[in-house]
Amino acid sequence: MFKMTSNKENQVPMERYMRNQFKFLGLKTPQRKAESKAYIKDSKKLPLPEVFQEIADLYKRDEREYQYVAIDMAYANVRRLSFEDIQSLTRYIQIKSWWDTVDTWRKIFGTFVVLHPEEKKRVFSLFYKHNNFWMRRLSIDLQLLEKETLDTELLTKAIEYDIHTDQFFIQKGIGWALRNYSKFNPNWVRKFVASHDLSKLAVREGTKYV
C-alpha cells in the first residue's frame, strides 16, 4: 500500500490553515510530489478501473495529502478518461469538500473539456444548478483558464443562476472567473459587470485587471 512520510513540524500550521477540518501528514507540495512521483507514474500503466480504485482508497484516508495525491493521479490520467469517467469523478467534489480539493479537481474537468470541446456542455451540465454549492462553483470556474475557446453563454448561465447566492465561495468563484477572462477579453467583462447586479465581492475580484 502506498504510504508517505510525515513532518510533525508542519502538521499543526497546515491543519490550522484549513481550519482544523482535516488531519495532515505535514508534507508541503514539493515533498508530497517527490514522494508520490513514481506512484503516479505507475498509475498510467494500470487499467482505468484500478486507477479509480486507487483514487477511492486514497480518498478514504484521513490525512489530507492523500486526497491531493488522488487528484494528481486523476490529472495524470486525464487523457485516458471518457465522459462517463469524468461523471463518476464528480462524486469527489462532494466528499471532504473544501476549496483546496475542489479547485484542484477543477483542473481535471477543465482540462477534459479542452481536450474534448464537443463534451463541454455535457460536462457543464453535471455541475450547473446542482444542489451542492461546490458543484455549482465548478460550473462557474469550469472554463477558468480558457481564452478564445471560452463559451460566454455557459459562463453567463452559471453566474446568473448564482448571482444573488449568499455564499462566499460562490461569489469568490464568480469574481475569479471574470478576472481570468478579463485578461483575454476585458471589454466583455466590463459589459457583463455593467449589465448585472453582482455582489461587491464579485465586482472587486472580477474587475481587478480592467
Protein backbone atom coordinates (compact mmCIF):
# COMPACT_ATOMS: atom_id res chain seq x y z
CA MET A 1 0.00 0.00 0.00
CA PHE A 2 1.28 3.43 -0.95
CA LYS A 3 2.41 5.43 2.06
CA MET A 4 4.13 8.77 2.56
CA THR A 5 6.26 10.07 5.40
CA SER A 6 5.21 12.77 7.84
CA ASN A 7 6.64 16.06 9.05
CA LYS A 8 5.33 16.86 12.53
CA GLU A 9 6.74 20.37 12.42
CA ASN A 10 4.33 21.28 9.59
CA GLN A 11 1.26 19.39 10.79
CA VAL A 12 -0.20 21.96 13.18
CA PRO A 13 0.16 25.03 10.92
CA MET A 14 -1.17 23.14 7.90
CA GLU A 15 -4.17 21.88 9.86
CA ARG A 16 -4.80 25.33 11.26
CA TYR A 17 -4.69 26.84 7.76
CA MET A 18 -7.54 24.50 6.81
CA ARG A 19 -9.47 25.46 9.97
CA ASN A 20 -8.65 22.11 11.59
CA GLN A 21 -11.08 20.29 9.34
CA PHE A 22 -8.55 17.70 8.20
CA LYS A 23 -5.56 15.82 9.52
CA PHE A 24 -2.26 16.41 7.73
CA LEU A 25 0.98 14.48 7.39
CA GLY A 26 2.69 17.84 7.22
CA LEU A 27 4.05 17.45 3.70
CA LYS A 28 4.33 20.57 1.60
CA THR A 29 3.67 20.28 -2.12
CA PRO A 30 7.25 19.69 -3.38
CA GLN A 31 7.85 16.88 -0.88
CA ARG A 32 4.45 15.31 -1.50
CA LYS A 33 5.01 15.33 -5.24
CA ALA A 34 8.51 13.88 -4.85
CA GLU A 35 7.24 11.02 -2.67
CA SER A 36 4.29 10.26 -4.95
CA LYS A 37 6.03 10.72 -8.31
CA ALA A 38 6.73 7.03 -9.00
CA TYR A 39 3.30 6.00 -7.72
CA ILE A 40 1.59 8.48 -10.04
CA LYS A 41 3.78 7.45 -12.98
CA ASP A 42 2.95 3.78 -12.45
CA SER A 43 -0.78 4.57 -12.44
CA LYS A 44 -0.57 5.42 -16.14
CA LYS A 45 0.12 1.75 -16.85
CA LEU A 46 -2.83 0.47 -14.83
CA PRO A 47 -6.24 -0.34 -16.31
CA LEU A 48 -8.59 2.55 -15.52
CA PRO A 49 -10.76 0.54 -13.10
CA GLU A 50 -7.64 0.01 -10.99
CA VAL A 51 -6.80 3.71 -11.17
CA PHE A 52 -10.29 4.54 -9.90
CA GLN A 53 -9.89 2.05 -7.07
CA GLU A 54 -6.61 3.68 -6.06
CA ILE A 55 -8.32 7.08 -6.07
CA ALA A 56 -11.16 5.74 -3.93
CA ASP A 57 -8.73 4.20 -1.45
CA LEU A 58 -6.73 7.41 -1.19
CA TYR A 59 -9.88 9.40 -0.54
CA LYS A 60 -10.77 7.16 2.41
CA ARG A 61 -7.57 8.03 4.25
CA ASP A 62 -7.63 10.61 6.99
CA GLU A 63 -4.60 12.68 6.02
CA ARG A 64 -5.36 15.42 3.52
CA GLU A 65 -2.25 14.86 1.44
CA TYR A 66 -3.68 11.54 0.22
CA GLN A 67 -6.63 13.36 -1.31
CA TYR A 68 -4.15 15.63 -3.11
CA VAL A 69 -2.35 12.55 -4.46
CA ALA A 70 -5.69 11.12 -5.64
CA ILE A 71 -6.33 14.29 -7.63
CA ASP A 72 -2.79 14.24 -9.01
CA MET A 73 -3.43 10.68 -10.17
CA ALA A 74 -6.67 11.65 -11.89
CA TYR A 75 -4.91 14.50 -13.67
CA ALA A 76 -2.04 12.25 -14.77
CA ASN A 77 -4.60 10.00 -16.47
CA VAL A 78 -6.96 12.68 -17.82
CA ARG A 79 -6.16 11.93 -21.47
CA ARG A 80 -7.46 8.39 -20.97
CA LEU A 81 -10.80 9.45 -19.50
CA SER A 82 -14.23 9.28 -21.12
CA PHE A 83 -17.24 11.42 -20.28
CA GLU A 84 -18.56 8.56 -18.14
CA ASP A 85 -15.27 8.52 -16.23
CA ILE A 86 -15.49 12.26 -15.67
CA GLN A 87 -19.05 11.89 -14.48
CA SER A 88 -18.02 9.28 -11.91
CA LEU A 89 -15.22 11.51 -10.61
CA THR A 90 -17.64 14.34 -9.76
CA ARG A 91 -18.54 12.43 -6.58
CA TYR A 92 -15.25 13.58 -5.06
CA ILE A 93 -16.25 17.23 -5.29
CA GLN A 94 -18.82 16.39 -2.61
CA ILE A 95 -16.54 14.35 -0.31
CA LYS A 96 -14.38 16.11 2.30
CA SER A 97 -15.15 19.30 0.39
CA TRP A 98 -13.14 22.46 0.81
CA TRP A 99 -11.65 24.97 -1.62
CA ASP A 100 -8.27 23.21 -1.78
CA THR A 101 -9.53 19.96 -3.28
CA VAL A 102 -12.49 21.43 -5.17
CA ASP A 103 -10.32 23.94 -7.01
CA THR A 104 -7.71 21.30 -7.78
CA TRP A 105 -10.34 18.93 -9.18
CA ARG A 106 -11.39 21.81 -11.44
CA LYS A 107 -8.14 21.34 -13.33
CA ILE A 108 -9.14 17.79 -14.32
CA PHE A 109 -12.60 18.79 -15.54
CA GLY A 110 -11.30 21.96 -17.20
CA THR A 111 -8.56 20.04 -18.99
CA PHE A 112 -11.04 17.39 -20.16
CA VAL A 113 -13.30 19.95 -21.86
CA VAL A 114 -10.29 21.50 -23.58
CA LEU A 115 -9.28 18.05 -24.85
CA HIS A 116 -12.90 17.25 -25.78
CA PRO A 117 -14.66 20.51 -26.61
CA GLU A 118 -17.63 18.61 -28.03
CA GLU A 119 -18.31 17.39 -24.47
CA LYS A 120 -18.15 20.80 -22.79
CA LYS A 121 -21.90 21.31 -22.49
CA ARG A 122 -22.43 17.81 -21.11
CA VAL A 123 -19.69 18.30 -18.53
CA PHE A 124 -21.08 21.73 -17.65
CA SER A 125 -24.50 20.16 -17.09
CA LEU A 126 -23.04 17.91 -14.40
CA PHE A 127 -22.43 20.98 -12.24
CA TYR A 128 -24.96 23.60 -13.36
CA LYS A 129 -27.90 24.12 -10.97
CA HIS A 130 -26.63 21.36 -8.67
CA ASN A 131 -27.90 21.48 -5.10
CA ASN A 132 -24.31 21.31 -3.81
CA PHE A 133 -22.70 24.75 -4.00
CA TRP A 134 -19.21 23.31 -4.50
CA MET A 135 -20.51 21.61 -7.65
CA ARG A 136 -22.01 24.89 -8.83
CA ARG A 137 -18.68 26.62 -8.20
CA LEU A 138 -17.28 24.18 -10.77
CA SER A 139 -19.89 25.27 -13.33
CA ILE A 140 -18.69 28.85 -12.86
CA ASP A 141 -14.98 28.08 -12.97
CA LEU A 142 -15.00 25.12 -15.38
CA GLN A 143 -13.52 27.25 -18.19
CA LEU A 144 -11.23 29.22 -15.88
CA LEU A 145 -8.06 29.03 -17.95
CA GLU A 146 -9.66 29.15 -21.39
CA LYS A 147 -9.33 32.19 -23.63
CA GLU A 148 -10.66 32.17 -27.20
CA THR A 149 -12.41 28.83 -26.58
CA LEU A 150 -14.36 30.05 -23.54
CA ASP A 151 -18.12 29.74 -24.05
CA THR A 152 -19.52 33.02 -22.71
CA GLU A 153 -23.08 31.68 -22.88
CA LEU A 154 -22.24 28.91 -20.40
CA LEU A 155 -20.31 31.29 -18.15
CA THR A 156 -23.23 33.72 -18.16
CA LYS A 157 -25.73 30.98 -17.29
CA ALA A 158 -23.60 29.75 -14.40
CA ILE A 159 -23.10 33.23 -12.95
CA GLU A 160 -26.70 34.34 -13.39
CA TYR A 161 -28.00 31.24 -11.61
CA ASP A 162 -25.97 32.11 -8.51
CA ILE A 163 -25.76 35.87 -8.87
CA HIS A 164 -27.52 36.54 -5.57
CA THR A 165 -26.33 33.45 -3.69
CA ASP A 166 -25.09 34.45 -0.26
CA GLN A 167 -22.16 32.02 -0.26
CA PHE A 168 -18.62 33.35 -0.10
CA PHE A 169 -17.07 30.63 -2.25
CA ILE A 170 -19.66 31.11 -4.98
CA GLN A 171 -19.16 34.87 -5.09
CA LYS A 172 -15.40 34.40 -4.98
CA GLY A 173 -15.71 31.92 -7.84
CA ILE A 174 -17.69 34.42 -9.93
CA GLY A 175 -15.01 37.04 -9.40
CA TRP A 176 -12.26 34.53 -10.16
CA ALA A 177 -13.86 33.51 -13.46
CA LEU A 178 -14.41 37.12 -14.57
CA ARG A 179 -10.93 38.22 -13.52
CA ASN A 180 -9.23 35.49 -15.52
CA TYR A 181 -11.34 36.05 -18.62
CA SER A 182 -10.72 39.80 -18.39
CA LYS A 183 -7.07 39.14 -19.17
CA PHE A 184 -8.18 37.94 -22.62
CA ASN A 185 -11.45 39.82 -23.22
CA PRO A 186 -11.66 42.85 -20.92
CA ASN A 187 -14.42 44.51 -22.95
CA TRP A 188 -16.76 41.54 -22.48
CA VAL A 189 -16.12 41.54 -18.75
CA ARG A 190 -16.70 45.29 -18.46
CA LYS A 191 -20.04 44.98 -20.27
CA PHE A 192 -21.03 41.96 -18.20
CA VAL A 193 -20.29 43.69 -14.90
CA ALA A 194 -22.14 46.83 -16.02
CA SER A 195 -25.24 44.87 -17.01
CA HIS A 196 -25.51 42.57 -13.98
CA ASP A 197 -26.28 43.17 -10.32
CA LEU A 198 -23.17 41.46 -8.98
CA SER A 199 -22.07 41.36 -5.36
CA LYS A 200 -19.37 43.75 -4.20
CA LEU A 201 -17.01 40.81 -3.75
CA ALA A 202 -17.58 39.52 -7.28
CA VAL A 203 -17.12 43.01 -8.76
CA ARG A 204 -13.98 43.69 -6.76
CA GLU A 205 -12.42 40.37 -7.74
CA GLY A 206 -13.71 40.36 -11.30
CA THR A 207 -12.55 43.88 -12.24
CA LYS A 208 -9.09 43.71 -10.72
CA TYR A 209 -7.44 43.97 -14.16
CA VAL A 210 -9.97 46.10 -16.05
